C-alpha atoms as a PDB file:
ATOM      1  CA  MET A   1     -32.874  51.102  67.304  1.00  0.00           C
ATOM      2  CA  LYS A   2     -31.982  53.214  64.543  1.00  0.00           C
ATOM      3  CA  PRO A   3     -28.227  52.509  64.768  1.00  0.00           C
ATOM      4  CA  VAL A   4     -28.857  48.778  64.679  1.00  0.00           C
ATOM      5  CA  ASP A   5     -31.190  49.201  61.716  1.00  0.00           C
ATOM      6  CA  GLU A   6     -28.594  51.269  59.918  1.00  0.00           C
ATOM      7  CA  PHE A   7     -25.990  48.632  60.684  1.00  0.00           C
ATOM      8  CA  PHE A   8     -28.187  45.897  59.245  1.00  0.00           C
ATOM      9  CA  GLU A   9     -28.959  48.036  56.201  1.00  0.00           C
ATOM     10  CA  LEU A  10     -25.225  48.575  55.642  1.00  0.00           C
ATOM     11  CA  VAL A  11     -24.550  44.850  56.063  1.00  0.00           C
ATOM     12  CA  GLU A  12     -27.431  44.052  53.757  1.00  0.00           C
ATOM     13  CA  ALA A  13     -26.218  46.555  51.102  1.00  0.00           C
ATOM     14  CA  ARG A  14     -22.670  45.202  51.381  1.00  0.00           C
ATOM     15  CA  THR A  15     -23.935  41.640  51.124  1.00  0.00           C
ATOM     16  CA  HIS A  16     -26.086  42.606  48.151  1.00  0.00           C
ATOM     17  CA  ARG A  17     -23.043  44.195  46.403  1.00  0.00           C
ATOM     18  CA  ALA A  18     -20.948  41.121  47.179  1.00  0.00           C
ATOM     19  CA  ILE A  19     -23.656  38.865  45.744  1.00  0.00           C
ATOM     20  CA  GLU A  20     -23.910  41.033  42.609  1.00  0.00           C
ATOM     21  CA  ALA A  21     -20.111  40.989  42.204  1.00  0.00           C
ATOM     22  CA  ALA A  22     -20.100  37.205  42.667  1.00  0.00           C
ATOM     23  CA  ASN A  23     -22.937  36.866  40.141  1.00  0.00           C
ATOM     24  CA  ALA A  24     -21.054  39.067  37.658  1.00  0.00           C
ATOM     25  CA  GLN A  25     -17.895  36.989  38.213  1.00  0.00           C
ATOM     26  CA  MET A  26     -19.950  33.819  37.801  1.00  0.00           C
ATOM     27  CA  GLY A  27     -21.400  35.191  34.525  1.00  0.00           C
ATOM     28  CA  ARG A  28     -17.890  35.898  33.220  1.00  0.00           C
ATOM     29  CA  LEU A  29     -16.711  32.436  34.265  1.00  0.00           C
ATOM     30  CA  GLU A  30     -19.792  30.893  32.700  1.00  0.00           C
ATOM     31  CA  LEU A  31     -19.085  32.764  29.435  1.00  0.00           C
ATOM     32  CA  MET A  32     -15.434  31.677  29.506  1.00  0.00           C
ATOM     33  CA  LEU A  33     -16.483  28.093  30.187  1.00  0.00           C
ATOM     34  CA  ASN A  34     -18.952  28.189  27.284  1.00  0.00           C
ATOM     35  CA  VAL A  35     -16.270  29.614  24.959  1.00  0.00           C
ATOM     36  CA  PHE A  36     -13.792  26.972  26.162  1.00  0.00           C
ATOM     37  CA  LEU A  37     -16.305  24.162  25.650  1.00  0.00           C
ATOM     38  CA  THR A  38     -17.201  25.487  22.176  1.00  0.00           C
ATOM     39  CA  VAL A  39     -13.518  25.606  21.210  1.00  0.00           C
ATOM     40  CA  LEU A  40     -13.034  22.107  22.644  1.00  0.00           C
ATOM     41  CA  VAL A  41     -16.006  20.737  20.684  1.00  0.00           C
ATOM     42  CA  LEU A  42     -14.709  22.391  17.502  1.00  0.00           C
ATOM     43  CA  LEU A  43     -11.253  20.874  18.104  1.00  0.00           C
ATOM     44  CA  LEU A  44     -12.808  17.452  18.641  1.00  0.00           C
ATOM     45  CA  ILE A  45     -14.840  17.769  15.448  1.00  0.00           C
ATOM     46  CA  GLY A  46     -11.746  18.942  13.563  1.00  0.00           C
ATOM     47  CA  SER A  47      -9.731  16.035  14.959  1.00  0.00           C
ATOM     48  CA  ALA A  48     -12.453  13.583  13.964  1.00  0.00           C
ATOM     49  CA  VAL A  49     -12.537  14.982  10.433  1.00  0.00           C
ATOM     50  CA  LEU A  50      -8.738  14.852  10.224  1.00  0.00           C
ATOM     51  CA  ILE A  51      -8.648  11.273  11.498  1.00  0.00           C
ATOM     52  CA  LEU A  52     -11.393  10.326   9.053  1.00  0.00           C
ATOM     53  CA  ARG A  53      -9.596  11.907   6.100  1.00  0.00           C
ATOM     54  CA  ARG A  54      -6.011  10.940   6.899  1.00  0.00           C
ATOM     55  CA  VAL A  55      -6.429   7.576   8.593  1.00  0.00           C
ATOM     56  CA  THR A  56      -9.820   5.892   8.395  1.00  0.00           C
ATOM     57  CA  ARG A  57     -10.636   6.395   4.709  1.00  0.00           C
ATOM     58  CA  PRO A  58      -7.110   5.639   3.459  1.00  0.00           C
ATOM     59  CA  LEU A  59      -6.968   2.512   5.651  1.00  0.00           C
ATOM     60  CA  ALA A  60     -10.321   1.366   4.289  1.00  0.00           C
ATOM     61  CA  ALA A  61      -9.003   1.881   0.740  1.00  0.00           C
ATOM     62  CA  VAL A  62      -5.794  -0.019   1.570  1.00  0.00           C
ATOM     63  CA  LYS A  63      -7.859  -2.860   3.075  1.00  0.00           C
ATOM     64  CA  ALA A  64      -9.970  -3.034  -0.089  1.00  0.00           C
ATOM     65  CA  SER A  65      -6.768  -3.209  -2.141  1.00  0.00           C
ATOM     66  CA  ILE A  66      -5.363  -5.976   0.037  1.00  0.00           C
ATOM     67  CA  ASP A  67      -8.628  -7.899  -0.277  1.00  0.00           C
ATOM     68  CA  GLY A  68      -8.489  -7.543  -4.073  1.00  0.00           C
ATOM     69  CA  LEU A  69      -4.864  -8.669  -4.272  1.00  0.00           C
ATOM     70  CA  SER A  70      -5.481 -11.614  -1.966  1.00  0.00           C
ATOM     71  CA  ALA A  71      -8.329 -12.642  -4.284  1.00  0.00           C
ATOM     72  CA  GLY A  72      -5.807 -12.639  -7.153  1.00  0.00           C
ATOM     73  CA  VAL A  73      -7.056  -9.486  -8.886  1.00  0.00           C
ATOM     74  CA  LEU A  74      -3.802  -7.756  -9.773  1.00  0.00           C
ATOM     75  CA  GLU A  75      -5.631  -4.866 -11.450  1.00  0.00           C
ATOM     76  CA  THR A  76      -6.957  -3.803  -8.049  1.00  0.00           C
ATOM     77  CA  PRO A  77      -6.444  -0.046  -7.633  1.00  0.00           C
ATOM     78  CA  ILE A  78      -4.075   0.851  -4.828  1.00  0.00           C
ATOM     79  CA  PRO A  79      -4.494   4.236  -3.148  1.00  0.00           C
ATOM     80  CA  GLU A  80      -1.776   6.731  -3.865  1.00  0.00           C
ATOM     81  CA  ALA A  81       0.606   7.459  -0.985  1.00  0.00           C
ATOM     82  CA  LYS A  82      -0.418  11.115  -0.522  1.00  0.00           C
ATOM     83  CA  HIS A  83       1.133  11.595   2.894  1.00  0.00           C
ATOM     84  CA  ASP A  84       4.455  10.673   4.391  1.00  0.00           C
ATOM     85  CA  ASP A  85       2.920   8.674   7.227  1.00  0.00           C
ATOM     86  CA  GLU A  86       2.196   5.054   8.095  1.00  0.00           C
ATOM     87  CA  VAL A  87      -0.754   4.825   5.717  1.00  0.00           C
ATOM     88  CA  GLY A  88       1.394   6.201   2.893  1.00  0.00           C
ATOM     89  CA  ALA A  89       4.123   3.694   3.748  1.00  0.00           C
ATOM     90  CA  VAL A  90       1.612   0.838   3.663  1.00  0.00           C
ATOM     91  CA  SER A  91       0.312   2.049   0.277  1.00  0.00           C
ATOM     92  CA  SER A  92       3.864   2.204  -1.106  1.00  0.00           C
ATOM     93  CA  ALA A  93       4.631  -1.280   0.205  1.00  0.00           C
ATOM     94  CA  LEU A  94       1.390  -2.569  -1.303  1.00  0.00           C
ATOM     95  CA  LEU A  95       2.332  -1.108  -4.694  1.00  0.00           C
ATOM     96  CA  ALA A  96       5.716  -2.852  -4.516  1.00  0.00           C
ATOM     97  CA  PHE A  97       3.972  -6.089  -3.491  1.00  0.00           C
ATOM     98  CA  ARG A  98       1.587  -5.878  -6.446  1.00  0.00           C
ATOM     99  CA  ASP A  99       4.480  -5.210  -8.834  1.00  0.00           C
ATOM    100  CA  LYS A 100       6.261  -8.305  -7.521  1.00  0.00           C
ATOM    101  CA  LEU A 101       3.093 -10.363  -7.934  1.00  0.00           C
ATOM    102  CA  VAL A 102       2.827  -9.181 -11.539  1.00  0.00           C
ATOM    103  CA  GLN A 103       6.470 -10.190 -12.132  1.00  0.00           C
ATOM    104  CA  ILE A 104       5.883 -13.588 -10.535  1.00  0.00           C
ATOM    105  CA  ARG A 105       2.805 -14.181 -12.692  1.00  0.00           C
ATOM    106  CA  GLU A 106       4.779 -13.262 -15.814  1.00  0.00           C
ATOM    107  CA  LEU A 107       7.620 -15.602 -14.825  1.00  0.00           C
ATOM    108  CA  GLU A 108       5.111 -18.391 -14.172  1.00  0.00           C
ATOM    109  CA  ARG A 109       3.536 -17.784 -17.584  1.00  0.00           C
ATOM    110  CA  GLN A 110       6.965 -17.906 -19.241  1.00  0.00           C
ATOM    111  CA  GLU A 111       7.848 -21.098 -17.367  1.00  0.00           C
ATOM    112  CA  ARG A 112       4.594 -22.737 -18.470  1.00  0.00           C
ATOM    113  CA  ALA A 113       5.326 -21.747 -22.076  1.00  0.00           C
ATOM    114  CA  GLU A 114       8.874 -23.161 -21.813  1.00  0.00           C
ATOM    115  CA  ALA A 115       7.565 -26.369 -20.234  1.00  0.00           C
ATOM    116  CA  GLN A 116       5.065 -26.705 -23.073  1.00  0.00           C
ATOM    117  CA  LYS A 117       7.863 -26.202 -25.610  1.00  0.00           C
ATOM    118  CA  ARG A 118       9.945 -28.896 -23.882  1.00  0.00           C
ATOM    119  CA  ALA A 119       6.973 -31.278 -23.851  1.00  0.00           C
ATOM    120  CA  ASP A 120       6.267 -30.583 -27.531  1.00  0.00           C
ATOM    121  CA  ARG A 121       9.940 -31.172 -28.395  1.00  0.00           C
ATOM    122  CA  ALA A 122       9.997 -34.421 -26.391  1.00  0.00           C
ATOM    123  CA  GLU A 123       6.838 -35.589 -28.176  1.00  0.00           C
ATOM    124  CA  ALA A 124       8.320 -34.682 -31.573  1.00  0.00           C
ATOM    125  CA  MET A 125      11.547 -36.475 -30.649  1.00  0.00           C
ATOM    126  CA  SER A 126       9.556 -39.534 -29.621  1.00  0.00           C
ATOM    127  CA  ARG A 127       7.782 -39.543 -33.007  1.00  0.00           C
ATOM    128  CA  VAL A 128      11.108 -39.103 -34.807  1.00  0.00           C
ATOM    129  CA  VAL A 129      12.693 -41.980 -32.888  1.00  0.00           C
ATOM    130  CA  SER A 130       9.692 -44.175 -33.660  1.00  0.00           C
ATOM    131  CA  ASP A 131       9.709 -43.226 -37.358  1.00  0.00           C
ATOM    132  CA  VAL A 132      13.518 -43.616 -37.616  1.00  0.00           C
ATOM    133  CA  GLY A 133      13.184 -47.026 -35.986  1.00  0.00           C
ATOM    134  CA  ALA A 134      10.607 -48.042 -38.608  1.00  0.00           C
ATOM    135  CA  VAL A 135      12.811 -46.830 -41.508  1.00  0.00           C
ATOM    136  CA  VAL A 136      15.927 -48.524 -40.063  1.00  0.00           C
ATOM    137  CA  THR A 137      13.962 -51.766 -39.533  1.00  0.00           C
ATOM    138  CA  ALA A 138      12.761 -51.609 -43.159  1.00  0.00           C
ATOM    139  CA  ALA A 139      16.324 -50.937 -44.381  1.00  0.00           C
ATOM    140  CA  ALA A 140      17.642 -53.858 -42.339  1.00  0.00           C
ATOM    141  CA  ALA A 141      15.041 -56.003 -44.101  1.00  0.00           C
ATOM    142  CA  GLY A 142      16.346 -54.758 -47.470  1.00  0.00           C
ATOM    143  CA  ASP A 143      13.645 -52.137 -48.145  1.00  0.00           C
ATOM    144  CA  PHE A 144      15.399 -48.824 -48.769  1.00  0.00           C
ATOM    145  CA  SER A 145      12.340 -47.137 -50.249  1.00  0.00           C
ATOM    146  CA  ALA A 146      11.012 -45.985 -46.880  1.00  0.00           C
ATOM    147  CA  ARG A 147      11.314 -42.261 -46.224  1.00  0.00           C
ATOM    148  CA  LEU A 148      10.803 -40.131 -43.119  1.00  0.00           C
ATOM    149  CA  GLU A 149       8.247 -37.312 -43.294  1.00  0.00           C
ATOM    150  CA  ILE A 150       8.489 -35.137 -40.218  1.00  0.00           C
ATOM    151  CA  ASP A 151       7.506 -31.507 -40.620  1.00  0.00           C
ATOM    152  CA  ASP A 152       6.919 -30.342 -37.070  1.00  0.00           C
ATOM    153  CA  ALA A 153      10.427 -30.940 -35.669  1.00  0.00           C
ATOM    154  CA  ASP A 154      13.158 -28.392 -35.074  1.00  0.00           C
ATOM    155  CA  GLU A 155      15.996 -27.677 -37.511  1.00  0.00           C
ATOM    156  CA  GLN A 156      18.457 -30.236 -36.134  1.00  0.00           C
ATOM    157  CA  ILE A 157      15.885 -33.034 -36.312  1.00  0.00           C
ATOM    158  CA  GLN A 158      14.968 -31.955 -39.854  1.00  0.00           C
ATOM    159  CA  LYS A 159      18.669 -32.272 -40.822  1.00  0.00           C
ATOM    160  CA  LEU A 160      18.798 -35.773 -39.305  1.00  0.00           C
ATOM    161  CA  VAL A 161      15.646 -36.800 -41.170  1.00  0.00           C
ATOM    162  CA  ALA A 162      17.008 -35.366 -44.431  1.00  0.00           C
ATOM    163  CA  GLY A 163      20.282 -37.267 -43.893  1.00  0.00           C
ATOM    164  CA  ILE A 164      18.518 -40.595 -43.300  1.00  0.00           C
ATOM    165  CA  ASN A 165      16.280 -40.045 -46.317  1.00  0.00           C
ATOM    166  CA  GLU A 166      19.346 -39.240 -48.444  1.00  0.00           C
ATOM    167  CA  ILE A 167      21.173 -42.365 -47.288  1.00  0.00           C
ATOM    168  CA  ASN A 168      18.115 -44.483 -48.100  1.00  0.00           C
ATOM    169  CA  ALA A 169      17.721 -42.775 -51.484  1.00  0.00           C
ATOM    170  CA  VAL A 170      21.396 -43.430 -52.395  1.00  0.00           C
ATOM    171  CA  VAL A 171      21.263 -47.050 -51.272  1.00  0.00           C
ATOM    172  CA  ASP A 172      17.836 -47.539 -52.914  1.00  0.00           C
ATOM    173  CA  ALA A 173      19.162 -46.109 -56.220  1.00  0.00           C
ATOM    174  CA  ALA A 174      22.266 -48.306 -56.007  1.00  0.00           C
ATOM    175  CA  THR A 175      20.310 -51.523 -55.474  1.00  0.00           C
END
């Protein structure tokens, strides 16, 4: 049975070589797979860091700025538009929005100041009309000694007061 034994030994040796070749191939594939997975993990980590730096952090800063502006704090820092992307565009738009809010606040302040000036002028005019009425009533009764003393009115009102006082002084001196 020697030929059969030799045949089985040859088959066994060939099978053993085939298994070793398959194991070697499997080792190479396993190494390639490990390298591929390592590169993939590194790419994922790099992508996560990039997303964190270029999207997540800037968006969080923009949100904080929006929250500050919506609370009325115009001094809220707005992140600089470092990149020419959507986050940079939002930052630029937010800067323009804040500038407009500052202009609106200034215009509102100016309008309040003008309204106060108009109210003060109307109050002064009301006092002048009242005082002029009292002087005219006294003059109609024959008392030309009454004089107007209004110091907080504008120049035109001061001229009117001076004119009335002069008329009364002339008439008072003549009588």
